[in-house]
Each structure stands twice: as C-alpha cells, then as structure tokens.
Amino acid sequence: EHLLKRSSSADRVGRERWLHHITESVTINNGIFLIFLFSLIEFQTAS
C-alpha cells in the first residue's frame, strides 16, 4: 500500500514534468511563428 502511494506520486511528478515540457515547446513554437509572421508582414510592406 505504501509502495503504491510512492509510485503514484512519482507518476504525478512525471506527468507534471511532461506537461511542462509540452507547454514549453508550444510556447517556443508560437514565438518563432509570431516572429516569422511579423517579418513576413514587414517584408511585404517594404516592397
């Protein structure tokens, strides 16, 4: 019973870390996309 508790808490920590990793990569991707979009608009208005 005690072992089960420990494994479930470790599982929860692992899930939270995984979720944090997902959100981090999504944020980075959104940042790159916004920069790309902004530079595209700048390029179109320049020409």
N, C-alpha and C. Protein backbone atom coordinates (compact mmCIF):
# COMPACT_ATOMS: atom_id res chain seq x y z
N GLU A 1 0.84 -1.21 0.00
CA GLU A 1 0.00 0.00 0.00
C GLU A 1 0.87 1.26 0.00
N HIS A 2 1.92 1.21 0.84
CA HIS A 2 2.84 2.36 0.90
C HIS A 2 3.61 2.50 -0.41
N LEU A 3 3.97 1.35 -0.98
CA LEU A 3 4.71 1.35 -2.24
C LEU A 3 3.86 1.94 -3.36
N LEU A 4 2.58 1.63 -3.32
CA LEU A 4 1.64 2.12 -4.34
C LEU A 4 1.55 3.64 -4.29
N LYS A 5 1.52 4.17 -3.06
CA LYS A 5 1.44 5.62 -2.88
C LYS A 5 2.66 6.30 -3.48
N ARG A 6 3.84 5.72 -3.20
CA ARG A 6 5.08 6.32 -3.68
C ARG A 6 5.13 6.32 -5.21
N SER A 7 4.71 5.21 -5.81
CA SER A 7 4.76 5.11 -7.27
C SER A 7 3.76 6.07 -7.91
N SER A 8 2.61 6.25 -7.28
CA SER A 8 1.60 7.15 -7.85
C SER A 8 2.06 8.60 -7.75
N SER A 9 2.77 8.95 -6.67
CA SER A 9 3.27 10.31 -6.53
C SER A 9 4.38 10.58 -7.54
N ALA A 10 5.21 9.56 -7.78
CA ALA A 10 6.27 9.68 -8.79
C ALA A 10 5.65 9.83 -10.17
N ASP A 11 4.55 9.11 -10.40
CA ASP A 11 3.85 9.19 -11.67
C ASP A 11 3.29 10.59 -11.89
N ARG A 12 2.76 11.18 -10.81
CA ARG A 12 2.20 12.52 -10.91
C ARG A 12 3.29 13.54 -11.22
N VAL A 13 4.44 13.40 -10.57
CA VAL A 13 5.57 14.30 -10.83
C VAL A 13 6.01 14.17 -12.28
N GLY A 14 6.09 12.93 -12.77
CA GLY A 14 6.48 12.69 -14.16
C GLY A 14 5.51 13.31 -15.14
N ARG A 15 4.21 13.20 -14.82
CA ARG A 15 3.18 13.79 -15.69
C ARG A 15 3.28 15.30 -15.71
N GLU A 16 3.52 15.89 -14.54
CA GLU A 16 3.63 17.35 -14.47
C GLU A 16 4.83 17.85 -15.26
N ARG A 17 5.95 17.10 -15.15
CA ARG A 17 7.16 17.48 -15.88
C ARG A 17 6.92 17.38 -17.38
N TRP A 18 6.20 16.31 -17.79
CA TRP A 18 5.89 16.09 -19.20
C TRP A 18 5.01 17.22 -19.73
N LEU A 19 4.01 17.60 -18.90
CA LEU A 19 3.10 18.68 -19.27
C LEU A 19 3.86 19.99 -19.41
N HIS A 20 4.79 20.23 -18.49
CA HIS A 20 5.60 21.45 -18.53
C HIS A 20 6.45 21.48 -19.80
N HIS A 21 7.00 20.33 -20.17
CA HIS A 21 7.81 20.23 -21.39
C HIS A 21 6.98 20.54 -22.62
N ILE A 22 5.75 20.02 -22.66
CA ILE A 22 4.84 20.26 -23.79
C ILE A 22 4.52 21.75 -23.91
N THR A 23 4.14 22.36 -22.79
CA THR A 23 3.78 23.79 -22.82
C THR A 23 4.97 24.64 -23.23
N GLU A 24 6.17 24.24 -22.77
CA GLU A 24 7.37 25.00 -23.10
C GLU A 24 7.62 24.98 -24.60
N SER A 25 7.56 23.80 -25.21
CA SER A 25 7.82 23.69 -26.65
C SER A 25 6.74 24.39 -27.46
N VAL A 26 5.50 24.36 -26.99
CA VAL A 26 4.42 25.05 -27.68
C VAL A 26 4.65 26.56 -27.64
N THR A 27 5.09 27.07 -26.48
CA THR A 27 5.37 28.50 -26.33
C THR A 27 6.49 28.93 -27.25
N ILE A 28 7.55 28.11 -27.32
CA ILE A 28 8.69 28.42 -28.19
C ILE A 28 8.24 28.43 -29.65
N ASN A 29 7.44 27.43 -30.04
CA ASN A 29 6.94 27.35 -31.41
C ASN A 29 6.08 28.55 -31.76
N ASN A 30 5.24 28.98 -30.82
CA ASN A 30 4.40 30.15 -31.05
C ASN A 30 5.24 31.40 -31.22
N GLY A 31 6.31 31.52 -30.42
CA GLY A 31 7.20 32.66 -30.52
C GLY A 31 7.87 32.72 -31.88
N ILE A 32 8.38 31.59 -32.34
CA ILE A 32 9.03 31.52 -33.65
C ILE A 32 8.03 31.86 -34.75
N PHE A 33 6.81 31.34 -34.62
CA PHE A 33 5.77 31.59 -35.61
C PHE A 33 5.42 33.07 -35.67
N LEU A 34 5.29 33.71 -34.51
CA LEU A 34 4.95 35.14 -34.47
C LEU A 34 6.06 35.98 -35.08
N ILE A 35 7.31 35.64 -34.79
CA ILE A 35 8.45 36.36 -35.37
C ILE A 35 8.45 36.20 -36.89
N PHE A 36 8.19 34.97 -37.34
CA PHE A 36 8.14 34.69 -38.78
C PHE A 36 7.03 35.49 -39.45
N LEU A 37 5.86 35.50 -38.82
CA LEU A 37 4.71 36.24 -39.35
C LEU A 37 5.01 37.73 -39.42
N PHE A 38 5.61 38.24 -38.35
CA PHE A 38 5.92 39.67 -38.27
C PHE A 38 6.93 40.07 -39.35
N SER A 39 7.97 39.25 -39.54
CA SER A 39 8.97 39.55 -40.56
C SER A 39 8.37 39.46 -41.95
N LEU A 40 7.43 38.56 -42.14
CA LEU A 40 6.75 38.41 -43.43
C LEU A 40 5.95 39.67 -43.74
N ILE A 41 5.24 40.19 -42.74
CA ILE A 41 4.44 41.41 -42.92
C ILE A 41 5.36 42.60 -43.19
N GLU A 42 6.45 42.68 -42.45
CA GLU A 42 7.42 43.76 -42.65
C GLU A 42 7.99 43.70 -44.07
N PHE A 43 8.30 42.50 -44.54
CA PHE A 43 8.86 42.32 -45.87
C PHE A 43 7.86 42.75 -46.94
N GLN A 44 6.58 42.44 -46.74
CA GLN A 44 5.55 42.78 -47.72
C GLN A 44 5.30 44.28 -47.77
N THR A 45 5.35 44.95 -46.62
CA THR A 45 5.12 46.39 -46.60
C THR A 45 6.33 47.15 -47.14
N ALA A 46 7.51 46.53 -47.06
CA ALA A 46 8.72 47.19 -47.53
C ALA A 46 8.76 47.22 -49.06
N SER A 47 8.32 46.13 -49.69
CA SER A 47 8.39 46.07 -51.15
C SER A 47 7.23 46.80 -51.80
